[in-house]
Amino acid sequence: MTDNPLGSQTEHPKQYQPEVLYPIPRWASRSLLDIDKNIRMFGLDHWQAYELSWLSSSGKPQVAIGEFYFNSESENIVESKSLKLYLNSLNQERYKSTETVRSLVEKDLSSISRSEVKVVIHPLNKIEDEVCGARAGKCIDHFDVELIAQQPDSQLLNITDVDADDEVLYSDLFRSNCPVTGQPDWASIEIRYTGKKISESSLLEYLISFREHLGYHEECAERIFRDIMLKCAPSELRVGMNFLRRGGLDINVYRSTAPVTSDSVNSRLIRQ
């Protein structure tokens, strides 16, 4: 696909059509953030697809949940609407097995992102209902703070003289906006770090300063990671953002000072 389908009228494909996948180069936003010049960053993007379906060899509909793990060092991210269109293109196609579908999707996503992608498919009849347990860490949403800045402002971040070891803080108040459509993107965010203790109220003020920010999910996570690293100088840092589901897809972004593996992602939250 030559044009970004987001925000435009698009017909849903009636047959397998990998060419609808639309790549977005990562370098564009990272060049503005100077990520590579300032800090070393690891991470992955964990996508979950809840509307995955195809036909068996006999023509019987199959339904499943798909998980896609993209390395943060891949050349491209995949535009979310194009991924939905691509998955819809599988709906009327016949495949001999779940593994055939998994292998096909893995090949196509690896090709468009220019990196190895891990794909896991869970047939619904083999999934046990998940019960959301207690979350690790401390919620910072009780602080009575004001919306001081209309755009992300790292100067809002402050540290104290107290040392913190593997502290986990989280908030459910995050909102940013799609840079193409302007629609709001909601997320829960978890920050785990070691270093001088970050003022919790200042962290909340900083996070809610994204409320009018136009940025893709990955860019928001990388901006937050960069700002905390440069302003607070922790020895270890992991930022995890669980964005709410839209159109059958949720996107979960992790950036860290240490490598992130597919078995270390956060559990699905009740809002998702």
Protein backbone atom coordinates (compact mmCIF):
# COMPACT_ATOMS: atom_id res chain seq x y z
CA MET A 1 0.00 0.00 0.00
CA THR A 2 1.45 3.36 -1.03
CA ASP A 3 -0.70 5.66 1.15
CA ASN A 4 -1.33 5.57 4.89
CA PRO A 5 -4.89 4.15 5.25
CA LEU A 6 -5.43 5.72 8.67
CA GLY A 7 -8.12 8.39 8.53
CA SER A 8 -9.19 7.51 4.98
CA GLN A 9 -12.10 5.52 3.55
CA THR A 10 -10.79 2.04 2.82
CA GLU A 11 -12.44 -1.08 1.43
CA HIS A 12 -11.94 -4.27 3.38
CA PRO A 13 -10.12 -6.89 1.30
CA LYS A 14 -12.09 -9.98 0.29
CA GLN A 15 -9.04 -12.24 -0.08
CA TYR A 16 -5.50 -12.62 1.26
CA GLN A 17 -3.76 -9.30 0.59
CA PRO A 18 -0.39 -8.76 2.36
CA GLU A 19 0.24 -5.64 0.28
CA VAL A 20 -2.27 -3.69 2.43
CA LEU A 21 0.31 -3.64 5.25
CA TYR A 22 1.71 -0.13 5.60
CA PRO A 23 5.15 0.51 7.16
CA ILE A 24 6.04 3.56 9.25
CA PRO A 25 9.82 4.08 9.65
CA ARG A 26 10.95 4.36 13.27
CA TRP A 27 13.77 6.77 12.41
CA ALA A 28 11.41 9.72 11.84
CA SER A 29 10.35 10.15 15.47
CA ARG A 30 13.67 8.96 16.89
CA SER A 31 15.58 11.56 14.92
CA LEU A 32 13.52 14.23 16.71
CA LEU A 33 14.15 12.64 20.11
CA ASP A 34 17.88 12.01 19.50
CA ILE A 35 17.39 8.59 21.10
CA ASP A 36 20.48 6.97 19.58
CA LYS A 37 22.74 9.90 20.47
CA ASN A 38 21.71 10.21 24.11
CA ILE A 39 20.87 6.79 25.55
CA ARG A 40 20.99 3.05 24.95
CA MET A 41 17.49 1.59 24.77
CA PHE A 42 16.08 -1.92 24.47
CA GLY A 43 12.47 -2.93 24.06
CA LEU A 44 9.66 -4.64 22.24
CA ASP A 45 6.16 -3.86 21.02
CA HIS A 46 3.54 -6.43 21.99
CA TRP A 47 0.36 -6.39 19.92
CA GLN A 48 -2.71 -8.53 20.63
CA ALA A 49 -5.35 -9.22 17.98
CA TYR A 50 -8.80 -10.29 19.17
CA GLU A 51 -10.51 -10.55 15.78
CA LEU A 52 -8.32 -13.17 14.10
CA SER A 53 -10.27 -15.62 11.95
CA TRP A 54 -9.84 -17.86 8.90
CA LEU A 55 -11.39 -21.00 7.37
CA SER A 56 -10.25 -24.58 7.83
CA SER A 57 -9.56 -26.76 4.79
CA SER A 58 -13.22 -27.83 4.86
CA GLY A 59 -14.44 -24.23 5.08
CA LYS A 60 -15.31 -24.14 8.79
CA PRO A 61 -14.59 -20.75 10.43
CA GLN A 62 -11.74 -20.70 12.94
CA VAL A 63 -11.30 -17.96 15.55
CA ALA A 64 -8.29 -17.19 17.72
CA ILE A 65 -6.33 -14.52 19.54
CA GLY A 66 -3.00 -13.53 18.01
CA GLU A 67 0.05 -12.09 19.73
CA PHE A 68 2.72 -10.26 17.72
CA TYR A 69 6.10 -9.34 19.21
CA PHE A 70 8.10 -6.68 17.32
CA ASN A 71 11.68 -5.89 18.27
CA SER A 72 12.09 -2.17 18.99
CA GLU A 73 15.14 -2.18 16.72
CA SER A 74 13.07 -3.14 13.67
CA GLU A 75 13.27 -0.67 10.80
CA ASN A 76 9.51 -0.10 10.66
CA ILE A 77 6.41 -0.22 12.80
CA VAL A 78 3.18 -1.39 11.17
CA GLU A 79 0.34 1.12 10.87
CA SER A 80 -2.50 -0.31 12.98
CA LYS A 81 -5.38 0.11 10.50
CA SER A 82 -3.36 -1.60 7.79
CA LEU A 83 -2.77 -4.53 10.16
CA LYS A 84 -6.52 -4.81 10.78
CA LEU A 85 -7.14 -4.81 7.02
CA TYR A 86 -4.46 -7.46 6.56
CA LEU A 87 -5.95 -9.71 9.26
CA ASN A 88 -9.40 -9.24 7.72
CA SER A 89 -7.97 -10.45 4.40
CA LEU A 90 -7.49 -13.89 6.00
CA ASN A 91 -11.17 -14.25 6.93
CA GLN A 92 -12.36 -16.07 3.79
CA GLU A 93 -9.15 -17.97 3.05
CA ARG A 94 -8.72 -21.71 3.75
CA TYR A 95 -5.65 -22.98 5.61
CA LYS A 96 -4.81 -26.51 6.62
CA SER A 97 -3.74 -25.68 10.18
CA THR A 98 -3.24 -22.98 12.78
CA GLU A 99 0.49 -23.36 12.27
CA THR A 100 0.08 -22.53 8.58
CA VAL A 101 -1.64 -19.26 9.52
CA ARG A 102 0.92 -18.48 12.23
CA SER A 103 3.83 -19.03 9.85
CA LEU A 104 2.22 -16.91 7.13
CA VAL A 105 1.49 -13.97 9.44
CA GLU A 106 4.98 -14.19 10.94
CA LYS A 107 6.53 -14.08 7.46
CA ASP A 108 4.45 -11.09 6.33
CA LEU A 109 4.98 -9.04 9.50
CA SER A 110 8.70 -9.76 9.50
CA SER A 111 8.89 -8.61 5.88
CA ILE A 112 7.03 -5.31 6.42
CA SER A 113 8.88 -4.44 9.65
CA ARG A 114 12.28 -5.51 8.25
CA SER A 115 12.97 -7.56 11.37
CA GLU A 116 12.20 -10.95 12.87
CA VAL A 117 8.70 -10.96 14.40
CA LYS A 118 7.42 -13.61 16.82
CA VAL A 119 3.80 -14.65 16.30
CA VAL A 120 1.78 -16.77 18.73
CA ILE A 121 -1.80 -17.87 17.97
CA HIS A 122 -4.17 -19.05 20.70
CA PRO A 123 -7.30 -20.93 19.54
CA LEU A 124 -10.20 -19.85 21.74
CA ASN A 125 -11.02 -23.40 22.80
CA LYS A 126 -7.58 -23.68 24.38
CA ILE A 127 -7.62 -20.41 26.32
CA GLU A 128 -8.62 -20.29 29.95
CA ASP A 129 -10.26 -17.08 31.16
CA GLU A 130 -7.73 -14.81 32.80
CA VAL A 131 -8.43 -13.32 36.20
CA CYS A 132 -6.77 -9.95 36.69
CA GLY A 133 -4.71 -10.15 39.85
CA ALA A 134 -3.22 -7.43 42.01
CA ARG A 135 -0.82 -5.13 40.20
CA ALA A 136 2.73 -4.66 41.34
CA GLY A 137 3.88 -1.30 42.60
CA LYS A 138 2.26 1.90 43.80
CA CYS A 139 -0.44 3.92 42.08
CA ILE A 140 0.32 7.66 41.83
CA ASP A 141 -3.13 8.76 40.65
CA HIS A 142 -4.30 10.00 44.09
CA PHE A 143 -2.12 13.14 43.96
CA ASP A 144 -4.09 16.36 43.57
CA VAL A 145 -2.12 17.84 40.67
CA GLU A 146 -3.00 20.38 37.99
CA LEU A 147 -2.70 20.12 34.23
CA ILE A 148 0.21 22.56 34.06
CA ALA A 149 1.55 21.91 30.55
CA GLN A 150 -0.38 21.30 27.33
CA GLN A 151 2.51 19.34 25.79
CA PRO A 152 5.09 16.92 27.26
CA ASP A 153 7.47 18.83 29.51
CA SER A 154 10.40 16.96 31.07
CA GLN A 155 11.10 19.97 33.30
CA LEU A 156 8.14 18.88 35.41
CA LEU A 157 10.12 15.82 36.58
CA ASN A 158 11.92 16.09 39.91
CA ILE A 159 13.98 13.72 42.04
CA THR A 160 14.57 13.59 45.79
CA ASP A 161 17.64 12.80 47.89
CA VAL A 162 16.25 9.37 48.81
CA ASP A 163 17.52 6.23 47.04
CA ALA A 164 14.95 3.90 45.48
CA ASP A 165 15.72 0.28 44.61
CA ASP A 166 13.55 -1.39 41.97
CA GLU A 167 10.60 0.90 42.68
CA VAL A 168 7.45 0.37 40.62
CA LEU A 169 5.00 3.23 40.03
CA TYR A 170 1.92 3.17 37.81
CA SER A 171 -0.86 5.42 36.53
CA ASP A 172 -4.11 4.89 34.63
CA LEU A 173 -4.54 8.57 33.72
CA PHE A 174 -2.41 8.68 30.57
CA ARG A 175 -3.86 10.04 27.34
CA SER A 176 -2.23 11.05 24.07
CA ASN A 177 -3.68 11.48 20.58
CA CYS A 178 -3.27 9.81 17.20
CA PRO A 179 -1.07 12.06 15.00
CA VAL A 180 -3.22 11.29 11.93
CA THR A 181 -6.83 11.25 13.14
CA GLY A 182 -6.50 13.20 16.40
CA GLN A 183 -8.49 10.52 18.24
CA PRO A 184 -7.50 9.95 21.89
CA ASP A 185 -5.32 7.00 22.85
CA TRP A 186 -5.69 5.87 26.46
CA ALA A 187 -3.10 3.85 28.36
CA SER A 188 -2.01 2.51 31.71
CA ILE A 189 1.68 3.07 32.33
CA GLU A 190 4.13 1.29 34.63
CA ILE A 191 7.54 2.71 35.48
CA ARG A 192 10.12 0.52 37.22
CA TYR A 193 13.44 2.08 38.13
CA THR A 194 16.47 2.12 40.45
CA GLY A 195 18.13 5.41 41.38
CA LYS A 196 17.26 8.63 43.15
CA LYS A 197 13.58 8.52 44.07
CA ILE A 198 11.39 10.31 41.56
CA SER A 199 8.88 12.72 43.05
CA GLU A 200 5.59 10.90 42.47
CA SER A 201 3.48 14.03 42.11
CA SER A 202 5.95 15.49 39.59
CA LEU A 203 5.85 12.24 37.62
CA LEU A 204 2.06 12.40 37.46
CA GLU A 205 2.18 16.04 36.33
CA TYR A 206 4.62 15.02 33.61
CA LEU A 207 2.51 12.09 32.40
CA ILE A 208 -0.70 14.09 32.15
CA SER A 209 1.14 16.76 30.15
CA PHE A 210 0.80 14.32 27.20
CA ARG A 211 -2.95 14.90 27.12
CA GLU A 212 -2.86 17.01 23.95
CA HIS A 213 0.28 15.42 22.48
CA LEU A 214 0.09 13.97 18.96
CA GLY A 215 2.22 10.83 18.80
CA TYR A 216 2.17 7.14 17.97
CA HIS A 217 2.23 4.73 20.92
CA GLU A 218 5.87 3.83 20.36
CA GLU A 219 6.96 7.46 20.20
CA CYS A 220 5.21 8.27 23.47
CA ALA A 221 6.95 5.41 25.29
CA GLU A 222 10.33 6.37 23.87
CA ARG A 223 9.85 10.03 24.76
CA ILE A 224 8.97 9.11 28.35
CA PHE A 225 11.93 6.73 28.57
CA ARG A 226 14.28 9.39 27.20
CA ASP A 227 12.98 12.16 29.46
CA ILE A 228 13.23 10.09 32.64
CA MET A 229 16.72 8.88 31.73
CA LEU A 230 18.03 12.37 31.01
CA LYS A 231 16.20 14.26 33.79
CA CYS A 232 16.28 11.68 36.61
CA ALA A 233 19.36 9.60 35.64
CA PRO A 234 18.26 6.22 37.05
CA SER A 235 20.75 3.37 36.86
CA GLU A 236 17.96 1.06 35.65
CA LEU A 237 14.66 1.93 33.97
CA ARG A 238 11.77 0.11 32.35
CA VAL A 239 8.72 1.86 30.90
CA GLY A 240 5.70 -0.28 30.04
CA MET A 241 2.58 1.16 28.39
CA ASN A 242 -0.61 -0.86 27.93
CA PHE A 243 -2.81 0.98 25.45
CA LEU A 244 -6.53 0.27 25.32
CA ARG A 245 -7.93 -1.92 22.60
CA ARG A 246 -9.26 -0.29 19.44
CA GLY A 247 -10.76 -2.20 16.51
CA GLY A 248 -9.78 -5.55 18.00
CA LEU A 249 -6.11 -4.62 18.56
CA ASP A 250 -4.28 -3.54 21.64
CA ILE A 251 -0.69 -2.29 21.58
CA ASN A 252 1.70 -2.67 24.49
CA VAL A 253 5.06 -0.91 24.33
CA TYR A 254 8.11 -1.66 26.49
CA ARG A 255 11.37 0.28 26.60
CA SER A 256 14.16 -0.55 29.02
CA THR A 257 17.83 -0.20 29.90
CA ALA A 258 17.98 -4.02 29.78
CA PRO A 259 16.75 -6.39 27.05
CA VAL A 260 13.01 -7.15 27.12
CA THR A 261 11.79 -10.64 26.20
CA SER A 262 8.35 -11.85 25.17
CA ASP A 263 7.92 -13.75 28.44
CA SER A 264 8.35 -10.60 30.57
CA VAL A 265 5.41 -8.51 29.30
CA ASN A 266 2.74 -7.30 31.72
CA SER A 267 -0.51 -9.14 32.27
CA ARG A 268 -3.57 -7.86 30.44
CA LEU A 269 -5.39 -5.22 32.47
CA ILE A 270 -9.14 -5.11 33.10
CA ARG A 271 -9.52 -2.00 30.89
CA GLN A 272 -8.17 -3.96 27.94
